[in-house]
Amino acid sequence: MTAAGNAGGSDPAPAAWRILIVLALLGAALGLAWGVADQARYRATATVAVESDSQGSDQARLERFAQRGESDEVATRAAGLLGNDIPGADLLADVSVRPSPRGGFLIVTADADAPDVAAAAADGFQRAIVAVEGDPLALGAAATIPATPFENRSAPLWAAIGLAAGLLLGLIVVAVLRLSRRHRAVPGGDPAPCLGGRSAGRRDRPRRRHGAGQAGPHRDACLREGETCAQRSFSGR
């Protein structure tokens, strides 16, 4: 192989493998960081019993109690029961009250970053609803401290997702680079168009000039031919 061939024909395979490895590792690192940075969330649940009246504990009645259970008055009372460590508005943002599908009670659900805080918030809201509404509401089951988070991003799972995304991106980059390299390798440039039946290379060739007072054979022939043509043209008139 010539020196020019060695200089211009480097093997692109190692560069492609480097691109794939770098992007795959970068994707795995970003996925792992995303999973580790996640804050686990815990959920605790308490219930409020709704005593039946003469019309029974129908679903519409439970819906009305659930809406009143998420009022600012109940949130402020719950914050006071919890020692005012958490403002009522912030507490209400992490607590929901909904009627039970089976009827007869309300379900109070609280989410927090710590399991004991979630259980305390659910119990505080439960007691606040009963204190504000009174009859026919009564305390139901107290909340238990959750043992495991209900929402948590798995760091290994996100690392695997990042690895797959990095490999996919690497394959796309390598494919684009190969297409670009092939496009540059195609011989370009069409031959210059001929002007007056002569090519550009022939046109640029310098004319041969004869010395002063000398007429070359080609020039003499052209002059004679021109005179003959002129004579024919004149006689034809």
Protein backbone atom coordinates (compact mmCIF):
# COMPACT_ATOMS: atom_id res chain seq x y z
CA MET A 1 0.00 0.00 0.00
CA THR A 2 1.35 3.43 -0.86
CA ALA A 3 2.02 6.17 1.64
CA ALA A 4 -0.89 8.19 0.30
CA GLY A 5 -3.20 5.23 0.79
CA ASN A 6 -2.07 4.82 4.39
CA ALA A 7 -2.60 8.49 5.12
CA GLY A 8 -6.11 8.76 3.67
CA GLY A 9 -7.56 5.30 4.32
CA SER A 10 -7.62 4.95 8.13
CA ASP A 11 -9.88 2.24 9.53
CA PRO A 12 -13.06 3.85 11.03
CA ALA A 13 -13.96 0.78 13.12
CA PRO A 14 -12.01 1.73 16.30
CA ALA A 15 -13.48 5.24 16.25
CA ALA A 16 -17.00 3.80 15.93
CA TRP A 17 -16.45 1.49 18.90
CA ARG A 18 -15.12 4.37 20.97
CA ILE A 19 -18.22 6.44 20.20
CA LEU A 20 -20.52 3.56 21.20
CA ILE A 21 -18.67 2.88 24.46
CA VAL A 22 -18.47 6.53 25.51
CA LEU A 23 -22.15 7.28 24.84
CA ALA A 24 -23.29 4.03 26.50
CA LEU A 25 -21.28 4.76 29.66
CA LEU A 26 -22.50 8.35 29.70
CA GLY A 27 -26.13 7.22 29.42
CA ALA A 28 -25.68 4.66 32.22
CA ALA A 29 -24.09 7.28 34.49
CA LEU A 30 -26.90 9.77 33.88
CA GLY A 31 -29.55 7.10 34.51
CA LEU A 32 -27.86 6.01 37.73
CA ALA A 33 -27.64 9.61 38.95
CA TRP A 34 -31.32 10.16 38.16
CA GLY A 35 -32.30 7.08 40.15
CA VAL A 36 -30.10 7.90 43.14
CA ALA A 37 -31.32 11.52 43.29
CA ASP A 38 -34.93 10.42 43.70
CA GLN A 39 -36.59 11.10 47.04
CA ALA A 40 -38.64 8.18 48.30
CA ARG A 41 -42.27 8.92 49.18
CA TYR A 42 -44.32 7.13 51.83
CA ARG A 43 -48.10 6.83 52.08
CA ALA A 44 -50.27 6.24 55.13
CA THR A 45 -54.04 5.80 55.35
CA ALA A 46 -56.62 6.40 58.09
CA THR A 47 -60.41 6.15 57.97
CA VAL A 48 -63.34 8.19 59.27
CA ALA A 49 -66.55 6.32 60.00
CA VAL A 50 -69.80 7.85 58.74
CA GLU A 51 -72.82 6.78 60.75
CA SER A 52 -75.90 6.05 58.72
CA ASP A 53 -78.95 8.27 59.09
CA SER A 54 -82.56 7.59 58.29
CA GLN A 55 -81.72 7.82 54.59
CA GLY A 56 -78.61 5.64 54.86
CA SER A 57 -74.98 6.47 54.01
CA ASP A 58 -75.37 6.89 50.28
CA GLN A 59 -72.46 7.77 47.98
CA ALA A 60 -73.57 11.38 47.40
CA ARG A 61 -73.59 12.01 51.16
CA LEU A 62 -70.07 10.58 51.46
CA GLU A 63 -68.92 12.79 48.60
CA ARG A 64 -70.12 15.90 50.45
CA PHE A 65 -68.24 14.89 53.62
CA ALA A 66 -65.11 14.17 51.57
CA GLN A 67 -65.21 17.64 50.00
CA ARG A 68 -65.62 19.30 53.40
CA GLY A 69 -62.79 17.16 54.72
CA GLU A 70 -60.39 18.89 52.30
CA SER A 71 -61.39 22.41 53.38
CA ASP A 72 -58.98 25.03 54.73
CA GLU A 73 -60.71 24.87 58.13
CA VAL A 74 -59.95 21.18 58.48
CA ALA A 75 -56.35 21.69 57.26
CA THR A 76 -55.77 24.45 59.81
CA ARG A 77 -57.18 22.28 62.61
CA ALA A 78 -55.00 19.34 61.51
CA ALA A 79 -51.89 21.56 61.48
CA GLY A 80 -52.68 22.67 65.03
CA LEU A 81 -53.05 19.04 66.16
CA LEU A 82 -49.63 18.31 64.67
CA GLY A 83 -47.99 21.17 66.57
CA ASN A 84 -48.08 23.65 63.68
CA ASP A 85 -44.82 22.22 62.37
CA ILE A 86 -46.36 22.09 58.90
CA PRO A 87 -48.63 24.90 57.61
CA GLY A 88 -52.17 23.86 56.86
CA ALA A 89 -51.87 24.73 53.15
CA ASP A 90 -48.76 22.56 52.76
CA LEU A 91 -50.38 19.75 54.71
CA LEU A 92 -53.48 19.88 52.53
CA ALA A 93 -51.36 19.56 49.39
CA ASP A 94 -50.16 16.12 50.54
CA VAL A 95 -53.48 14.83 51.93
CA SER A 96 -56.55 13.58 50.10
CA VAL A 97 -59.97 12.59 51.42
CA ARG A 98 -62.24 10.36 49.36
CA PRO A 99 -65.31 8.23 50.03
CA SER A 100 -64.88 4.50 50.31
CA PRO A 101 -66.27 2.58 47.33
CA ARG A 102 -67.90 0.14 49.78
CA GLY A 103 -69.61 3.01 51.64
CA GLY A 104 -69.81 3.77 55.35
CA PHE A 105 -66.52 5.65 55.82
CA LEU A 106 -64.04 8.12 54.38
CA ILE A 107 -60.44 7.30 53.44
CA VAL A 108 -57.77 9.83 54.47
CA THR A 109 -54.47 9.38 52.60
CA ALA A 110 -51.28 11.32 53.42
CA ASP A 111 -47.99 11.33 51.50
CA ALA A 112 -44.65 12.42 52.98
CA ASP A 113 -40.90 11.98 52.59
CA ALA A 114 -40.71 10.10 55.93
CA PRO A 115 -42.95 7.18 56.98
CA ASP A 116 -43.73 8.52 60.47
CA VAL A 117 -44.65 11.95 59.08
CA ALA A 118 -47.07 10.33 56.63
CA ALA A 119 -48.79 8.37 59.43
CA ALA A 120 -48.98 11.45 61.69
CA ALA A 121 -50.48 13.58 58.91
CA ALA A 122 -53.16 10.98 58.14
CA ASP A 123 -54.11 10.68 61.82
CA GLY A 124 -54.11 14.46 62.29
CA PHE A 125 -56.45 14.96 59.35
CA GLN A 126 -58.69 12.17 60.57
CA ARG A 127 -59.12 13.79 63.98
CA ALA A 128 -59.54 17.26 62.45
CA ILE A 129 -62.38 16.10 60.17
CA VAL A 130 -64.26 14.56 63.09
CA ALA A 131 -63.65 17.65 65.25
CA VAL A 132 -64.92 20.08 62.60
CA GLU A 133 -67.87 18.07 61.27
CA GLY A 134 -68.99 16.27 64.44
CA ASP A 135 -71.93 13.91 64.07
CA PRO A 136 -72.43 11.68 62.16
CA LEU A 137 -68.65 11.28 61.78
CA ALA A 138 -66.48 9.23 64.12
CA LEU A 139 -62.89 8.07 64.29
CA GLY A 140 -62.16 4.95 62.29
CA ALA A 141 -58.94 2.97 61.85
CA ALA A 142 -55.74 4.82 62.73
CA ALA A 143 -52.88 5.05 60.28
CA THR A 144 -49.94 2.68 60.50
CA ILE A 145 -46.37 3.66 59.71
CA PRO A 146 -45.58 2.36 56.18
CA ALA A 147 -42.60 0.05 55.89
CA THR A 148 -41.78 0.67 52.22
CA PRO A 149 -42.14 3.69 49.96
CA PHE A 150 -44.95 3.70 47.43
CA GLU A 151 -42.98 5.86 44.99
CA ASN A 152 -39.28 5.37 44.38
CA ARG A 153 -37.11 5.32 41.28
CA SER A 154 -34.88 2.27 41.05
CA ALA A 155 -31.27 3.32 40.44
CA PRO A 156 -30.24 0.02 38.70
CA LEU A 157 -33.30 0.16 36.47
CA TRP A 158 -32.61 3.74 35.41
CA ALA A 159 -28.94 2.91 34.85
CA ALA A 160 -29.99 0.13 32.45
CA ILE A 161 -32.39 2.49 30.69
CA GLY A 162 -29.62 5.08 30.34
CA LEU A 163 -27.24 2.44 28.98
CA ALA A 164 -29.75 1.40 26.31
CA ALA A 165 -30.43 5.03 25.38
CA GLY A 166 -26.69 5.72 25.08
CA LEU A 167 -26.16 2.71 22.82
CA LEU A 168 -29.04 3.77 20.59
CA LEU A 169 -27.67 7.30 20.33
CA GLY A 170 -24.21 5.91 19.57
CA LEU A 171 -25.53 3.74 16.74
CA ILE A 172 -27.25 6.76 15.22
CA VAL A 173 -24.09 8.88 15.44
CA VAL A 174 -21.94 6.14 13.90
CA ALA A 175 -24.41 5.65 11.03
CA VAL A 176 -24.46 9.38 10.30
CA LEU A 177 -20.65 9.57 10.32
CA ARG A 178 -20.34 6.61 7.94
CA LEU A 179 -22.81 8.12 5.50
CA SER A 180 -20.92 11.40 5.60
CA ARG A 181 -17.60 9.60 4.99
CA ARG A 182 -19.02 7.72 2.01
CA HIS A 183 -20.40 10.92 0.56
CA ARG A 184 -16.99 12.58 0.76
CA ALA A 185 -15.32 9.52 -0.82
CA VAL A 186 -17.43 9.69 -4.02
CA PRO A 187 -15.37 11.30 -6.90
CA GLY A 188 -16.95 14.66 -7.57
CA GLY A 189 -16.87 17.17 -10.34
CA ASP A 190 -18.26 16.77 -13.84
CA PRO A 191 -16.01 17.51 -16.84
CA ALA A 192 -16.16 21.13 -17.83
CA PRO A 193 -18.58 21.77 -20.71
CA CYS A 194 -17.08 22.27 -24.12
CA LEU A 195 -17.34 25.70 -25.66
CA GLY A 196 -17.44 25.82 -29.47
CA GLY A 197 -16.58 22.13 -29.77
CA ARG A 198 -13.39 22.46 -27.72
CA SER A 199 -12.78 21.20 -24.21
CA ALA A 200 -11.73 23.51 -21.39
CA GLY A 201 -8.26 21.97 -21.31
CA ARG A 202 -7.77 22.52 -25.01
CA ARG A 203 -9.11 26.06 -24.76
CA ASP A 204 -6.58 26.97 -22.10
CA ARG A 205 -3.69 25.59 -24.17
CA PRO A 206 -1.56 28.53 -25.38
CA ARG A 207 -1.63 29.21 -29.08
CA ARG A 208 1.50 28.73 -31.08
CA ARG A 209 2.69 32.01 -32.42
CA HIS A 210 4.93 32.38 -35.44
CA GLY A 211 7.61 34.92 -35.85
CA ALA A 212 6.89 38.33 -37.30
CA GLY A 213 6.59 38.35 -41.07
CA GLN A 214 6.37 34.58 -41.26
CA ALA A 215 3.23 32.67 -42.14
CA GLY A 216 2.98 29.08 -41.15
CA PRO A 217 1.63 26.41 -43.48
CA HIS A 218 -1.64 26.21 -41.58
CA ARG A 219 -2.20 29.93 -41.84
CA ASP A 220 -1.43 29.96 -45.57
CA ALA A 221 -3.86 27.14 -46.14
CA CYS A 222 -6.57 28.99 -44.24
CA LEU A 223 -5.96 32.15 -46.27
CA ARG A 224 -6.14 30.27 -49.55
CA GLU A 225 -9.28 28.49 -48.47
CA GLY A 226 -10.82 31.81 -47.44
CA GLU A 227 -10.03 33.37 -50.78
CA THR A 228 -11.51 30.40 -52.64
CA CYS A 229 -14.70 30.61 -50.57
CA ALA A 230 -14.96 34.33 -51.18
CA GLN A 231 -14.54 33.84 -54.90
CA ARG A 232 -17.22 31.18 -54.99
CA SER A 233 -19.55 33.36 -52.98
CA PHE A 234 -18.96 36.31 -55.32
CA SER A 235 -19.45 34.27 -58.47
CA GLY A 236 -22.62 32.78 -57.11
CA ARG A 237 -24.24 36.13 -56.75
